Amino acid sequence: MMNSERLANVALAGLSLAPLVVNVDPNLNVVLTACLTVFVGCYRSVKPTPPSETMSKEHAMRFPLVGSAMLLSLFLLFKFLSKDLVNAVLTCYFFVLGIAAFSATLLPSIKRFLPEKWNEDLIIWHFPYFRSLEFEFTRSQIVAAIPGTMFCVWYAKQKHWLANNVLGLAFSIQGIEMLSLGSFKTGAILLAGLFVYDIFWVFFTPVMVSVAKSFDAPIKLLFPTSDLKRPFSMLGLGDIVIPGIFVALALRFDVSRGKGPQYFKSAFSGYAVGVISTIIVMNWFQAAQPALLYIVPAVIGFLAVHCIWNGDVKPLLEFDESKTQSTEEVAAEESKKVE
């Protein structure tokens, strides 16, 4: 598992830097970058304890409505306020968020070269004048924050496409790693809602495309093209993170059963097919496409067919990560039984 993840990390880093030195087909770049990001995020999500942030069915039902309200709010802000002013405020927000995400993404690699004490000892810092507010961190996190801060300064000053992409990839990997759908039922509700959300805002209104073009922040990945009229192809982070957390749930379901990544493979294959289908249709019609229109049916469809074929429908539907014991709890119970 670790070797596959490291290989994917190296491939993702190389693919991100490649357009600086060679011409990379943007369509191929989109597919490989999206798939590698999901792959890395999924394997990073496999931990001794389930992800701390678990989504409930109620949250999944409300998510498309909340997302629609935020999207419409941004559209109105860009329409009635100065675009430069809105993007300046968003840059400040994503500057802080980017340091946290980029540092957290680097931390596992950095920790291996630092003393164990730096990784474990917590430092508690209280906010001045608000002593009840405190912030916990380790020395390792401080070390990881140094390159994170330097990188975010470069992004804020230059707004280079590579800086945008690296921060976008960090957000995506952290989102897939830290978020949990809890169960496949919740995941199906969320994906179905966002399936409708994406189709409505792309096909029936100019809002989604307008905001994507106006929003100068790392909420999308940019892929250089040779077309002067359209210098970049774009892929929204939501098209990576949302299906990515569903694919990650399939991987953790496999791990919980002590088996190989069989359902992860089918869900991941569905994601790859969905992204490829989006690219094909986009180039055929020469128009922006709602990626979730193709990704959601492919991910759920591939997983469902595989599950029905193996006769594992019931255990898959009954799987609830919020009720899954951590490996530490299982070990503690087993030791008690031995005693």
Protein backbone atom coordinates (compact mmCIF):
# COMPACT_ATOMS: atom_id res chain seq x y z
CA MET A 1 0.00 0.00 0.00
CA MET A 2 2.76 2.44 0.99
CA ASN A 3 4.77 1.73 -2.19
CA SER A 4 1.73 2.37 -4.39
CA GLU A 5 0.98 5.63 -2.59
CA ARG A 6 4.59 6.83 -2.86
CA LEU A 7 4.70 5.96 -6.56
CA ALA A 8 1.46 7.88 -7.10
CA ASN A 9 2.88 10.86 -5.19
CA VAL A 10 5.98 10.91 -7.38
CA ALA A 11 3.88 10.56 -10.55
CA LEU A 12 1.57 13.38 -9.44
CA ALA A 13 4.50 15.69 -8.67
CA GLY A 14 6.14 14.90 -12.02
CA LEU A 15 2.90 15.42 -13.93
CA SER A 16 2.35 18.80 -12.21
CA LEU A 17 5.83 20.02 -13.18
CA ALA A 18 5.92 18.49 -16.68
CA PRO A 19 4.11 21.35 -18.53
CA LEU A 20 6.96 23.68 -17.50
CA VAL A 21 9.41 21.81 -19.73
CA VAL A 22 7.38 19.83 -22.28
CA ASN A 23 4.03 20.09 -24.01
CA VAL A 24 1.55 17.85 -22.23
CA ASP A 25 -1.82 17.16 -23.80
CA PRO A 26 -4.29 18.97 -21.47
CA ASN A 27 -6.91 16.24 -21.85
CA LEU A 28 -4.47 13.55 -20.76
CA ASN A 29 -3.21 15.84 -18.00
CA VAL A 30 -6.74 16.33 -16.62
CA VAL A 31 -7.46 12.59 -16.52
CA LEU A 32 -4.15 11.53 -14.98
CA THR A 33 -4.01 14.36 -12.44
CA ALA A 34 -7.58 13.78 -11.25
CA CYS A 35 -7.11 10.01 -10.94
CA LEU A 36 -3.73 10.25 -9.20
CA THR A 37 -5.09 12.82 -6.73
CA VAL A 38 -8.03 10.57 -5.83
CA PHE A 39 -5.70 7.59 -5.50
CA VAL A 40 -3.32 9.42 -3.14
CA GLY A 41 -6.16 10.89 -1.06
CA CYS A 42 -7.87 7.50 -0.71
CA TYR A 43 -4.79 5.71 0.57
CA ARG A 44 -3.96 8.55 2.94
CA SER A 45 -7.47 8.21 4.40
CA VAL A 46 -6.73 4.66 5.58
CA LYS A 47 -5.74 5.15 9.23
CA PRO A 48 -6.02 3.25 12.53
CA THR A 49 -9.00 5.42 13.44
CA PRO A 50 -11.84 6.45 11.07
CA PRO A 51 -11.78 10.07 9.81
CA SER A 52 -12.94 12.50 12.47
CA GLU A 53 -15.28 14.50 10.22
CA THR A 54 -18.25 12.28 9.31
CA MET A 55 -21.17 13.51 7.24
CA SER A 56 -24.72 12.64 8.30
CA LYS A 57 -27.67 11.97 5.97
CA GLU A 58 -29.17 15.35 6.91
CA HIS A 59 -25.94 17.14 5.97
CA ALA A 60 -25.80 15.21 2.69
CA MET A 61 -29.36 16.28 1.83
CA ARG A 62 -28.66 19.94 2.65
CA PHE A 63 -25.27 20.09 0.94
CA PRO A 64 -26.54 20.84 -2.62
CA LEU A 65 -28.77 23.62 -1.24
CA VAL A 66 -25.93 25.17 0.76
CA GLY A 67 -23.63 24.84 -2.25
CA SER A 68 -26.21 26.53 -4.48
CA ALA A 69 -26.58 29.43 -2.03
CA MET A 70 -22.81 29.93 -1.89
CA LEU A 71 -22.46 29.70 -5.68
CA LEU A 72 -25.23 32.23 -6.26
CA SER A 73 -23.77 34.55 -3.61
CA LEU A 74 -20.39 34.51 -5.35
CA PHE A 75 -22.05 35.18 -8.71
CA LEU A 76 -23.82 38.24 -7.28
CA LEU A 77 -20.64 39.48 -5.58
CA PHE A 78 -18.72 39.32 -8.86
CA LYS A 79 -21.61 41.00 -10.68
CA PHE A 80 -22.14 43.98 -8.34
CA LEU A 81 -18.71 44.45 -6.74
CA SER A 82 -15.25 44.94 -8.14
CA LYS A 83 -13.81 41.62 -9.27
CA ASP A 84 -10.37 42.67 -7.99
CA LEU A 85 -11.78 43.48 -4.55
CA VAL A 86 -13.60 40.15 -4.22
CA ASN A 87 -10.54 38.21 -5.37
CA ALA A 88 -8.29 40.17 -2.97
CA VAL A 89 -10.47 39.12 -0.03
CA LEU A 90 -10.58 35.53 -1.27
CA THR A 91 -6.79 35.51 -1.70
CA CYS A 92 -6.34 36.45 1.98
CA TYR A 93 -8.72 33.68 3.00
CA PHE A 94 -7.09 31.03 0.84
CA PHE A 95 -3.63 32.22 1.91
CA VAL A 96 -4.32 31.09 5.49
CA LEU A 97 -6.23 27.99 4.38
CA GLY A 98 -3.48 27.12 1.91
CA ILE A 99 -0.77 27.17 4.58
CA ALA A 100 -2.79 24.72 6.70
CA ALA A 101 -3.60 22.38 3.78
CA PHE A 102 -0.13 22.42 2.19
CA SER A 103 1.59 21.92 5.56
CA ALA A 104 -0.71 19.01 6.46
CA THR A 105 -0.01 17.40 3.08
CA LEU A 106 3.77 17.68 3.57
CA LEU A 107 3.76 16.67 7.25
CA PRO A 108 3.85 12.82 6.86
CA SER A 109 6.97 13.09 4.66
CA ILE A 110 8.67 15.61 6.93
CA LYS A 111 7.96 13.75 10.19
CA ARG A 112 10.17 10.83 9.18
CA PHE A 113 13.27 13.04 9.33
CA LEU A 114 12.52 14.77 12.63
CA PRO A 115 13.01 13.63 16.24
CA GLU A 116 10.13 11.60 17.67
CA LYS A 117 9.71 14.15 20.43
CA TRP A 118 8.99 16.87 17.86
CA ASN A 119 6.19 14.75 16.41
CA GLU A 120 4.49 13.87 19.69
CA ASP A 121 4.91 16.74 22.18
CA LEU A 122 2.02 19.19 21.96
CA ILE A 123 2.54 22.93 22.37
CA ILE A 124 -0.55 24.80 23.59
CA TRP A 125 -0.74 28.49 22.69
CA HIS A 126 -3.46 30.75 24.12
CA PHE A 127 -4.73 33.72 22.14
CA PRO A 128 -3.90 37.10 23.77
CA TYR A 129 -6.88 38.68 25.56
CA PHE A 130 -8.94 35.55 24.74
CA ARG A 131 -7.36 32.98 27.03
CA SER A 132 -10.21 30.53 26.52
CA LEU A 133 -9.17 30.19 22.87
CA GLU A 134 -6.20 27.91 22.40
CA PHE A 135 -4.26 26.42 19.54
CA GLU A 136 -2.45 23.07 19.74
CA PHE A 137 0.48 22.16 17.51
CA THR A 138 3.76 20.25 17.43
CA ARG A 139 7.25 21.32 16.40
CA SER A 140 6.90 19.14 13.31
CA GLN A 141 3.86 21.13 12.23
CA ILE A 142 5.83 24.36 12.63
CA VAL A 143 8.59 22.95 10.40
CA ALA A 144 6.00 21.89 7.79
CA ALA A 145 4.39 25.34 7.93
CA ILE A 146 7.62 27.05 6.79
CA PRO A 147 7.59 25.75 3.17
CA GLY A 148 3.78 26.03 3.23
CA THR A 149 4.00 29.74 4.07
CA MET A 150 6.71 30.41 1.48
CA PHE A 151 4.67 28.67 -1.20
CA CYS A 152 1.51 30.60 -0.35
CA VAL A 153 3.44 33.89 -0.51
CA TRP A 154 4.56 32.93 -4.03
CA TYR A 155 0.97 32.14 -4.99
CA ALA A 156 -0.37 35.43 -3.55
CA LYS A 157 2.26 37.47 -5.42
CA GLN A 158 2.43 35.69 -8.78
CA LYS A 159 -0.85 33.74 -9.10
CA HIS A 160 1.11 31.30 -11.25
CA TRP A 161 -0.87 28.32 -12.55
CA LEU A 162 1.58 25.89 -10.93
CA ALA A 163 1.14 27.52 -7.51
CA ASN A 164 -2.63 27.39 -8.02
CA ASN A 165 -2.48 23.69 -8.91
CA VAL A 166 -0.24 22.67 -6.03
CA LEU A 167 -2.53 24.37 -3.51
CA GLY A 168 -5.57 22.89 -5.27
CA LEU A 169 -4.06 19.42 -5.07
CA ALA A 170 -3.30 19.94 -1.37
CA PHE A 171 -6.93 20.96 -0.73
CA SER A 172 -8.18 17.93 -2.67
CA ILE A 173 -5.92 15.41 -0.94
CA GLN A 174 -6.75 16.81 2.50
CA GLY A 175 -10.47 16.79 1.71
CA ILE A 176 -10.45 13.15 0.64
CA GLU A 177 -8.20 12.17 3.56
CA MET A 178 -10.08 13.95 6.34
CA LEU A 179 -13.75 13.70 5.32
CA SER A 180 -15.93 10.62 5.70
CA LEU A 181 -19.38 9.92 4.33
CA GLY A 182 -19.98 7.46 7.16
CA SER A 183 -21.98 5.04 5.04
CA PHE A 184 -22.65 4.25 1.40
CA LYS A 185 -26.27 5.32 1.84
CA THR A 186 -25.15 8.82 2.85
CA GLY A 187 -22.68 8.81 -0.03
CA ALA A 188 -25.39 7.91 -2.54
CA ILE A 189 -27.62 10.72 -1.23
CA LEU A 190 -24.79 13.27 -1.50
CA LEU A 191 -23.70 12.20 -4.98
CA ALA A 192 -27.29 12.12 -6.27
CA GLY A 193 -27.94 15.63 -4.94
CA LEU A 194 -24.75 17.04 -6.43
CA PHE A 195 -25.46 15.22 -9.70
CA VAL A 196 -28.61 17.37 -10.06
CA TYR A 197 -26.81 20.45 -8.69
CA ASP A 198 -24.02 20.26 -11.27
CA ILE A 199 -26.39 19.70 -14.22
CA PHE A 200 -28.67 22.59 -13.21
CA TRP A 201 -25.98 25.23 -12.65
CA VAL A 202 -23.96 24.34 -15.77
CA PHE A 203 -26.65 23.61 -18.36
CA PHE A 204 -29.51 25.86 -17.26
CA THR A 205 -27.74 28.98 -15.95
CA PRO A 206 -24.51 30.88 -16.73
CA VAL A 207 -23.67 30.99 -13.00
CA MET A 208 -21.23 28.06 -12.65
CA VAL A 209 -19.11 28.90 -15.69
CA SER A 210 -19.11 32.63 -14.87
CA VAL A 211 -17.95 32.08 -11.28
CA ALA A 212 -15.30 29.55 -12.36
CA LYS A 213 -13.80 32.07 -14.80
CA SER A 214 -14.00 35.02 -12.39
CA PHE A 215 -12.87 33.21 -9.23
CA ASP A 216 -9.11 33.78 -8.96
CA ALA A 217 -8.40 31.25 -6.22
CA PRO A 218 -7.22 27.61 -6.05
CA ILE A 219 -10.69 26.06 -6.24
CA LYS A 220 -9.91 24.66 -9.68
CA LEU A 221 -6.93 23.06 -11.42
CA LEU A 222 -5.49 24.77 -14.48
CA PHE A 223 -3.93 22.82 -17.35
CA PRO A 224 -1.93 24.81 -19.96
CA THR A 225 -3.00 24.45 -23.59
CA SER A 226 -1.51 25.60 -26.89
CA ASP A 227 -4.69 27.54 -27.73
CA LEU A 228 -4.14 31.29 -27.28
CA LYS A 229 -7.88 31.91 -27.10
CA ARG A 230 -8.27 29.32 -24.33
CA PRO A 231 -4.87 29.14 -22.57
CA PHE A 232 -6.07 26.78 -19.82
CA SER A 233 -8.40 23.84 -19.39
CA MET A 234 -10.06 23.75 -15.97
CA LEU A 235 -11.26 21.09 -13.54
CA GLY A 236 -13.09 22.08 -10.36
CA LEU A 237 -11.87 20.64 -7.08
CA GLY A 238 -15.41 19.46 -6.32
CA ASP A 239 -15.14 17.04 -9.24
CA ILE A 240 -12.19 15.45 -7.44
CA VAL A 241 -13.10 15.68 -3.75
CA ILE A 242 -16.80 14.76 -3.83
CA PRO A 243 -16.47 11.48 -5.73
CA GLY A 244 -13.06 10.99 -4.10
CA ILE A 245 -14.50 10.68 -0.60
CA PHE A 246 -16.93 8.05 -1.91
CA VAL A 247 -14.09 6.06 -3.52
CA ALA A 248 -12.08 6.40 -0.28
CA LEU A 249 -15.03 4.96 1.66
CA ALA A 250 -14.95 1.92 -0.64
CA LEU A 251 -11.25 1.44 0.14
CA ARG A 252 -11.80 1.67 3.91
CA PHE A 253 -14.72 -0.78 3.55
CA ASP A 254 -12.30 -3.25 1.94
CA VAL A 255 -9.75 -2.68 4.70
CA SER A 256 -12.38 -3.16 7.43
CA ARG A 257 -13.15 -6.61 6.01
CA GLY A 258 -9.48 -7.56 5.93
CA LYS A 259 -9.55 -8.09 2.18
CA GLY A 260 -7.73 -6.63 -0.77
CA PRO A 261 -8.96 -3.41 -2.43
CA GLN A 262 -11.62 -5.11 -4.57
CA TYR A 263 -14.44 -2.56 -4.27
CA PHE A 264 -11.96 0.29 -4.28
CA LYS A 265 -10.78 -0.90 -7.69
CA SER A 266 -14.31 -0.89 -9.11
CA ALA A 267 -15.18 2.54 -7.64
CA PHE A 268 -11.84 3.99 -8.77
CA SER A 269 -12.28 2.51 -12.26
CA GLY A 270 -15.72 4.14 -12.38
CA TYR A 271 -14.17 7.48 -11.47
CA ALA A 272 -11.56 7.16 -14.24
CA VAL A 273 -14.23 6.25 -16.80
CA GLY A 274 -16.36 9.21 -15.65
CA VAL A 275 -13.51 11.71 -16.06
CA ILE A 276 -12.60 10.30 -19.49
CA SER A 277 -16.25 10.50 -20.57
CA THR A 278 -16.39 14.14 -19.47
CA ILE A 279 -13.34 14.98 -21.59
CA ILE A 280 -14.69 13.15 -24.64
CA VAL A 281 -18.11 14.87 -24.49
CA MET A 282 -16.53 18.28 -23.77
CA ASN A 283 -14.31 18.03 -26.85
CA TRP A 284 -17.14 16.66 -28.98
CA PHE A 285 -19.49 19.56 -28.22
CA GLN A 286 -16.78 22.17 -27.55
CA ALA A 287 -18.66 23.32 -24.44
CA ALA A 288 -18.24 23.18 -20.66
CA GLN A 289 -19.64 20.00 -19.12
CA PRO A 290 -20.85 19.18 -15.59
CA ALA A 291 -18.29 16.51 -14.73
CA LEU A 292 -20.48 14.94 -12.04
CA LEU A 293 -23.04 14.12 -14.74
CA TYR A 294 -20.64 11.43 -15.96
CA ILE A 295 -18.62 10.67 -12.82
CA VAL A 296 -21.50 9.96 -10.41
CA PRO A 297 -23.29 7.27 -12.51
CA ALA A 298 -19.94 5.66 -13.36
CA VAL A 299 -18.67 5.47 -9.75
CA ILE A 300 -21.96 4.25 -8.27
CA GLY A 301 -22.70 2.00 -11.26
CA PHE A 302 -19.33 0.23 -11.28
CA LEU A 303 -19.46 -0.31 -7.52
CA ALA A 304 -23.09 -1.51 -7.59
CA VAL A 305 -22.54 -4.02 -10.40
CA HIS A 306 -19.44 -5.42 -8.68
CA CYS A 307 -21.24 -5.62 -5.34
CA ILE A 308 -24.31 -7.36 -6.81
CA TRP A 309 -22.08 -9.78 -8.72
CA ASN A 310 -20.28 -10.77 -5.49
CA GLY A 311 -23.49 -10.88 -3.43
CA ASP A 312 -22.21 -8.27 -0.96
CA VAL A 313 -25.10 -5.82 -1.18
CA LYS A 314 -26.22 -6.27 2.43
CA PRO A 315 -22.81 -5.85 4.15
CA LEU A 316 -22.04 -2.84 1.95
CA LEU A 317 -25.33 -1.10 2.77
CA GLU A 318 -24.99 -1.93 6.46
CA PHE A 319 -21.44 -0.59 6.68
CA ASP A 320 -21.36 2.46 8.96
CA GLU A 321 -17.96 3.97 9.57
CA SER A 322 -19.14 6.04 12.53
CA LYS A 323 -19.77 2.75 14.37
CA THR A 324 -16.53 1.11 13.29
CA GLN A 325 -14.05 0.48 16.07
CA SER A 326 -10.52 1.72 15.74
CA THR A 327 -7.71 -0.80 15.67
CA GLU A 328 -6.59 0.40 19.11
CA GLU A 329 -10.04 -0.33 20.58
CA VAL A 330 -10.11 -3.79 19.01
CA ALA A 331 -6.63 -4.55 20.35
CA ALA A 332 -7.64 -3.37 23.83
CA GLU A 333 -10.73 -5.60 23.83
CA GLU A 334 -8.72 -8.61 22.66
CA SER A 335 -6.11 -8.06 25.39
CA LYS A 336 -8.89 -7.97 28.01
CA LYS A 337 -10.25 -11.26 26.74
CA VAL A 338 -6.79 -12.84 26.99
CA GLU A 339 -6.44 -11.63 30.57
